[in-house]
Protein backbone atom coordinates (compact mmCIF):
# COMPACT_ATOMS: atom_id res chain seq x y z
CA MET A 1 6.93 0.58 29.28
CA SER A 2 10.26 1.05 27.88
CA GLU A 3 11.45 -2.48 28.60
CA LEU A 4 8.31 -3.91 27.14
CA ARG A 5 8.36 -1.70 24.28
CA GLN A 6 11.83 -3.17 23.34
CA ARG A 7 9.83 -7.09 24.00
CA MET A 8 7.34 -6.25 21.02
CA GLU A 9 9.69 -4.52 18.92
CA ASP A 10 12.06 -7.24 19.51
CA ALA A 11 9.38 -10.31 18.93
CA MET A 12 8.09 -8.65 15.25
CA VAL A 13 11.80 -8.12 14.29
CA LEU A 14 12.43 -11.75 15.05
CA ARG A 15 8.96 -12.32 13.06
CA GLY A 16 10.12 -10.36 10.10
CA PHE A 17 7.36 -7.35 10.46
CA ALA A 18 7.89 -4.65 8.23
CA VAL A 19 9.00 -1.55 9.55
CA ARG A 20 5.71 0.42 8.69
CA THR A 21 3.89 -2.72 10.66
CA ARG A 22 5.84 -2.54 13.63
CA GLU A 23 5.33 1.44 13.97
CA ALA A 24 2.06 1.40 13.74
CA TYR A 25 1.56 -1.41 16.03
CA LEU A 26 3.33 0.19 18.84
CA ALA A 27 1.57 3.38 18.03
CA CYS A 28 -1.71 1.57 19.05
CA VAL A 29 -0.07 -0.09 22.11
CA THR A 30 1.43 3.42 23.56
CA ALA A 31 -1.97 5.04 23.33
CA LEU A 32 -3.62 2.45 25.07
CA ALA A 33 -1.38 2.86 28.28
CA ARG A 34 -1.73 6.45 27.49
CA HIS A 35 -5.91 6.51 27.77
CA TYR A 36 -5.47 3.95 31.02
CA ARG A 37 -2.10 5.82 32.17
CA ARG A 38 -1.06 1.99 33.34
CA PRO A 39 1.52 -0.23 31.30
CA PRO A 40 -0.50 -2.99 28.68
CA ASP A 41 0.56 -6.06 30.90
CA GLN A 42 -1.35 -4.56 33.86
CA LEU A 43 -4.78 -4.25 31.78
CA SER A 44 -7.38 -6.76 31.63
CA THR A 45 -8.64 -8.20 27.95
CA ASP A 46 -12.13 -6.42 29.24
CA GLN A 47 -10.38 -2.92 29.40
CA LEU A 48 -9.30 -3.69 25.94
CA GLN A 49 -12.68 -4.73 24.41
CA ALA A 50 -13.56 -1.08 25.86
CA TYR A 51 -10.77 0.92 24.58
CA LEU A 52 -11.58 -1.08 20.90
CA LEU A 53 -14.87 0.67 21.53
CA HIS A 54 -14.00 3.67 22.31
CA LEU A 55 -11.78 4.24 19.56
CA ILE A 56 -15.10 3.60 17.60
CA THR A 57 -17.72 5.22 18.97
CA GLU A 58 -15.57 8.44 20.39
CA LYS A 59 -12.66 9.11 18.57
CA LYS A 60 -14.48 7.99 15.41
CA LEU A 61 -11.75 5.85 14.09
CA ALA A 62 -12.35 4.37 10.89
CA TYR A 63 -12.81 0.29 11.23
CA ALA A 64 -9.66 -0.52 9.20
CA SER A 65 -7.79 1.15 12.19
CA ALA A 66 -9.66 -0.52 15.09
CA ASN A 67 -8.65 -3.37 13.23
CA GLN A 68 -4.95 -2.72 13.36
CA ALA A 69 -4.89 -1.67 17.08
CA ALA A 70 -6.87 -5.25 17.82
CA CYS A 71 -4.41 -6.99 15.61
CA ALA A 72 -1.40 -5.10 17.80
CA PHE A 73 -2.98 -6.37 21.30
CA ARG A 74 -3.55 -9.64 20.47
CA PHE A 75 0.02 -9.80 19.58
CA LEU A 76 1.24 -7.79 22.40
CA PHE A 77 -0.90 -10.88 25.15
CA GLU A 78 -0.04 -14.22 22.85
CA ARG A 79 3.47 -13.45 21.44
CA VAL A 80 5.19 -11.21 24.26
CA LEU A 81 3.30 -11.28 27.34
CA LYS A 82 2.84 -15.36 26.50
CA ARG A 83 -1.21 -15.19 27.55
CA PRO A 84 -2.57 -17.54 25.25
CA ASN A 85 -5.12 -19.00 27.57
CA ALA A 86 -6.18 -15.23 28.63
CA ARG A 87 -9.71 -14.45 27.70
CA PHE A 88 -9.44 -12.38 24.33
CA ASP A 89 -12.63 -11.68 22.95
CA ILE A 90 -12.22 -8.88 20.65
CA PRO A 91 -14.31 -9.07 17.60
CA MET A 92 -13.02 -7.76 14.41
CA ALA A 93 -14.42 -4.83 13.26
CA LYS A 94 -15.97 -5.68 9.66
CA VAL A 95 -15.04 -2.85 7.25
CA PRO A 96 -16.88 -2.20 4.62
CA LYS A 97 -15.76 -3.02 1.33
CA ARG A 98 -15.65 -0.08 -1.24
CA LEU A 99 -14.09 0.20 -4.52
CA PRO A 100 -11.21 2.25 -4.54
CA GLN A 101 -10.95 5.02 -7.14
CA ILE A 102 -9.40 3.93 -10.66
CA LEU A 103 -8.15 6.70 -13.26
CA SER A 104 -8.59 6.76 -16.94
CA ARG A 105 -5.47 6.71 -18.79
CA GLU A 106 -6.01 10.03 -19.76
CA GLU A 107 -6.06 11.11 -16.28
CA VAL A 108 -2.94 9.33 -14.74
CA ALA A 109 -1.13 10.71 -17.76
CA ARG A 110 -2.52 14.39 -17.06
CA LEU A 111 -2.05 13.54 -13.28
CA ILE A 112 2.11 12.88 -13.59
CA GLY A 113 2.30 16.27 -16.12
CA ALA A 114 0.84 17.94 -13.24
CA ALA A 115 3.11 17.27 -10.86
CA SER A 116 5.58 20.70 -10.37
CA THR A 117 8.92 19.14 -10.41
CA LEU A 118 10.85 16.70 -12.51
CA ARG A 119 11.60 14.63 -8.96
CA GLY A 120 7.80 14.49 -8.82
CA ARG A 121 6.91 13.91 -12.03
CA THR A 122 9.48 10.81 -12.25
CA LEU A 123 8.28 8.90 -8.61
CA LEU A 124 4.72 9.62 -9.48
CA MET A 125 5.61 7.97 -13.31
CA THR A 126 7.59 5.44 -11.53
CA THR A 127 4.93 4.24 -9.40
CA TYR A 128 2.33 3.72 -11.63
CA ALA A 129 4.64 2.23 -14.87
CA ALA A 130 6.52 -0.25 -12.02
CA GLY A 131 2.58 -1.09 -10.18
CA LEU A 132 4.62 -0.18 -6.69
CA ARG A 133 3.62 0.71 -3.08
CA VAL A 134 4.46 3.75 -1.86
CA SER A 135 6.90 2.04 0.69
CA GLU A 136 8.60 0.19 -2.44
CA VAL A 137 8.94 3.38 -5.05
CA CYS A 138 10.66 5.35 -1.83
CA ALA A 139 13.14 2.49 -1.00
CA LEU A 140 14.25 2.21 -4.97
CA GLN A 141 18.24 1.85 -5.02
CA VAL A 142 19.84 2.95 -9.14
CA SER A 143 20.95 -0.19 -8.88
CA ASP A 144 17.77 -1.50 -8.86
CA ILE A 145 17.29 -0.70 -12.20
CA GLU A 146 18.38 -3.43 -14.56
CA SER A 147 18.04 -1.72 -18.04
CA ALA A 148 20.28 -4.48 -20.37
CA PRO A 149 18.03 -4.93 -23.40
CA ASP A 150 17.73 -8.61 -22.52
CA ARG A 151 16.95 -7.45 -18.87
CA MET A 152 14.47 -4.81 -18.58
CA CYS A 153 13.33 -5.16 -15.26
CA LEU A 154 12.89 -2.85 -11.65
CA LYS A 155 14.17 -4.51 -8.62
CA VAL A 156 11.53 -4.40 -5.94
CA ARG A 157 13.25 -5.14 -2.74
CA ARG A 158 11.49 -6.71 0.84
CA GLY A 159 8.48 -5.57 -0.52
CA LYS A 160 4.99 -7.20 1.15
CA GLY A 161 5.99 -9.74 3.34
CA ASN A 162 9.85 -9.16 2.85
CA GLN A 163 9.81 -10.57 -0.58
CA ASP A 164 12.26 -9.49 -3.67
CA ARG A 165 10.69 -9.49 -6.82
CA TYR A 166 10.87 -8.07 -10.44
CA THR A 167 8.13 -6.18 -12.04
CA LEU A 168 7.97 -4.07 -15.40
CA LEU A 169 10.65 -1.21 -16.76
CA SER A 170 9.21 0.09 -20.33
CA PRO A 171 11.56 2.01 -22.29
CA ARG A 172 9.63 4.86 -21.51
CA LEU A 173 9.78 5.02 -18.00
CA LEU A 174 13.37 4.18 -18.69
CA ASP A 175 13.89 7.55 -20.51
CA ARG A 176 12.69 9.05 -17.71
CA LEU A 177 14.65 7.69 -15.48
CA ARG A 178 17.93 8.43 -17.52
CA ALA A 179 16.74 12.06 -17.45
CA TYR A 180 15.93 12.17 -14.16
CA TRP A 181 19.46 11.01 -13.29
CA ARG A 182 21.27 13.41 -15.53
CA VAL A 183 19.71 16.09 -13.47
CA GLY A 184 19.92 15.03 -9.68
CA ARG A 185 22.82 12.41 -9.91
CA PRO A 186 21.36 10.37 -6.93
CA GLY A 187 23.36 8.31 -5.38
CA CYS A 188 22.38 5.37 -3.71
CA TRP A 189 19.16 6.10 -3.52
CA LEU A 190 16.58 6.91 -6.51
CA PHE A 191 14.65 9.32 -4.57
CA PRO A 192 16.60 10.37 -1.30
CA ASN A 193 15.81 12.75 1.13
CA PRO A 194 17.03 16.31 0.78
CA ALA A 195 20.02 15.20 2.71
CA GLY A 196 20.85 12.17 0.50
CA SER A 197 21.46 10.32 3.50
CA ALA A 198 17.62 8.12 3.09
CA PRO A 199 15.18 7.46 0.82
CA ILE A 200 12.78 10.21 0.71
CA ASP A 201 9.80 9.80 2.74
CA ALA A 202 6.50 7.97 2.13
CA LYS A 203 4.64 10.78 3.51
CA THR A 204 6.62 13.12 0.94
CA ALA A 205 5.71 11.24 -1.54
CA GLN A 206 1.82 11.09 -0.63
CA ARG A 207 2.20 14.74 -0.54
CA MET A 208 3.34 14.83 -4.03
CA TYR A 209 0.66 12.87 -5.13
CA CYS A 210 -2.06 15.08 -3.76
CA ALA A 211 -0.31 17.91 -4.97
CA ALA A 212 -0.62 16.75 -8.62
CA ARG A 213 -4.03 14.99 -8.24
CA ASP A 214 -5.54 18.63 -6.76
CA ALA A 215 -3.61 20.75 -9.74
CA ALA A 216 -4.73 18.29 -12.30
CA GLY A 217 -8.34 18.76 -11.39
CA ILE A 218 -9.35 15.41 -10.57
CA ARG A 219 -11.69 14.19 -7.08
CA PRO A 220 -10.10 13.87 -4.16
CA GLU A 221 -10.71 10.29 -3.80
CA GLY A 222 -7.46 7.88 -2.23
CA GLY A 223 -3.93 8.52 -2.15
CA ILE A 224 -0.89 7.60 -3.86
CA HIS A 225 -2.06 4.01 -3.85
CA THR A 226 -4.72 4.56 -6.70
CA LEU A 227 -1.74 4.75 -9.25
CA ARG A 228 -1.13 1.03 -8.38
CA HIS A 229 -4.45 0.56 -8.59
CA CYS A 230 -4.79 1.65 -12.03
CA PHE A 231 -1.53 -0.16 -12.90
CA ALA A 232 -3.22 -3.67 -12.31
CA THR A 233 -6.48 -2.29 -13.99
CA HIS A 234 -5.36 -1.12 -17.01
CA LEU A 235 -2.87 -4.26 -17.67
CA LEU A 236 -5.91 -6.62 -17.21
CA GLU A 237 -8.01 -4.36 -19.59
CA ALA A 238 -4.70 -4.78 -22.03
CA GLY A 239 -5.23 -8.42 -21.70
CA VAL A 240 -2.96 -9.32 -19.49
CA ASP A 241 -3.26 -12.17 -17.55
CA LEU A 242 -4.24 -12.89 -13.66
CA PRO A 243 -1.18 -15.33 -12.86
CA THR A 244 1.57 -12.61 -14.86
CA LEU A 245 -0.50 -9.58 -13.04
CA GLN A 246 -0.17 -11.28 -9.38
CA GLN A 247 3.73 -12.02 -9.97
CA LEU A 248 4.26 -8.58 -10.96
CA LEU A 249 2.03 -6.80 -7.71
CA GLY A 250 4.03 -9.34 -5.53
CA HIS A 251 0.54 -10.90 -4.68
CA GLY A 252 0.53 -13.85 -2.25
CA HIS A 253 -3.04 -15.56 -3.27
CA ILE A 254 -4.43 -15.23 -6.54
CA SER A 255 -7.77 -13.88 -4.95
CA THR A 256 -5.84 -10.69 -4.10
CA THR A 257 -5.04 -10.07 -7.59
CA MET A 258 -8.51 -11.13 -8.73
CA ARG A 259 -10.28 -8.43 -7.15
CA TYR A 260 -9.20 -6.13 -9.97
CA LEU A 261 -11.64 -8.02 -12.18
CA HIS A 262 -14.11 -6.08 -10.61
CA LEU A 263 -12.66 -2.88 -11.70
CA SER A 264 -11.54 -3.67 -15.43
CA HIS A 265 -14.35 -1.98 -17.91
CA ARG A 266 -13.06 -4.53 -20.28
CA HIS A 267 -14.88 -7.40 -18.69
CA VAL A 268 -17.90 -5.28 -17.49
CA THR A 269 -18.61 -3.78 -21.25
CA GLY A 270 -17.15 -7.41 -22.77
CA ALA A 271 -19.83 -9.35 -21.06
CA ALA A 272 -23.18 -9.91 -22.41
CA ALA A 273 -25.90 -8.33 -20.89
CA ALA A 274 -28.44 -11.22 -19.11
CA LEU A 275 -31.40 -9.93 -20.90
CA GLU A 276 -29.59 -9.67 -24.37
CA LEU A 277 -29.75 -13.64 -24.08
CA LEU A 278 -33.09 -14.04 -24.11
CA ASP A 279 -35.41 -15.00 -26.96
CA PRO A 280 -37.25 -12.11 -28.14
CA PRO A 281 -40.80 -12.22 -27.59
CA ARG A 282 -43.26 -13.70 -30.03
CA HIS A 283 -46.06 -11.17 -31.20
């Protein structure tokens, strides 16, 4: 399926898909071809639906993974194979809505301090302090640190949706980054791979987080994205307004940012309890 793979890759590049999305879609289509031992363009939509059911009932894949496969197959049929009229009745699996893990400020500080290397501590601190996705922190360049007193920000290149943005650079983070630079002297990439030829891999950053989390004795839920959730929730609790937080996180819609209201301890404890609003009973 090399020719078809290239066509799909080209179509995704033209539409500005992120690298990780392209890799995930191609992996889904490749797995489909291996399952049936036939090129995907020779499969019927009924076979695709049967394969998705197989992923959920037999492979025990999470609903989010099944949804991703369904999106990949839709893109293949509608955009690459130019079959928009093909019957393609694949219901999207309903993903259970679970609140993400939110660490306290003390737990975040303990986790960052538990990282075994200066590099690991700096990467985790940067992720939390700037509210970055793992792909964003890995892709940071030294030139993205704008430390002039009238600027003090981090430039995030090609975040989700290929959008650039600026986010916070606190004085404390700047001090840590300077100390890290004096020791490691990174060139282009702020957190390079061992050879220095490319940015650190996202899986390596995930391992750094999990190792620090375990060393700090924090319950094993979620991955490094937890630090982004903590950034947003802690800023809300500190009084940052939603539009500002939306800009810092790079959310396209305010509704995405509003979910952090459900996680903010201040918004819960600051609300009046319904029972307390009632007039006291007369005896």
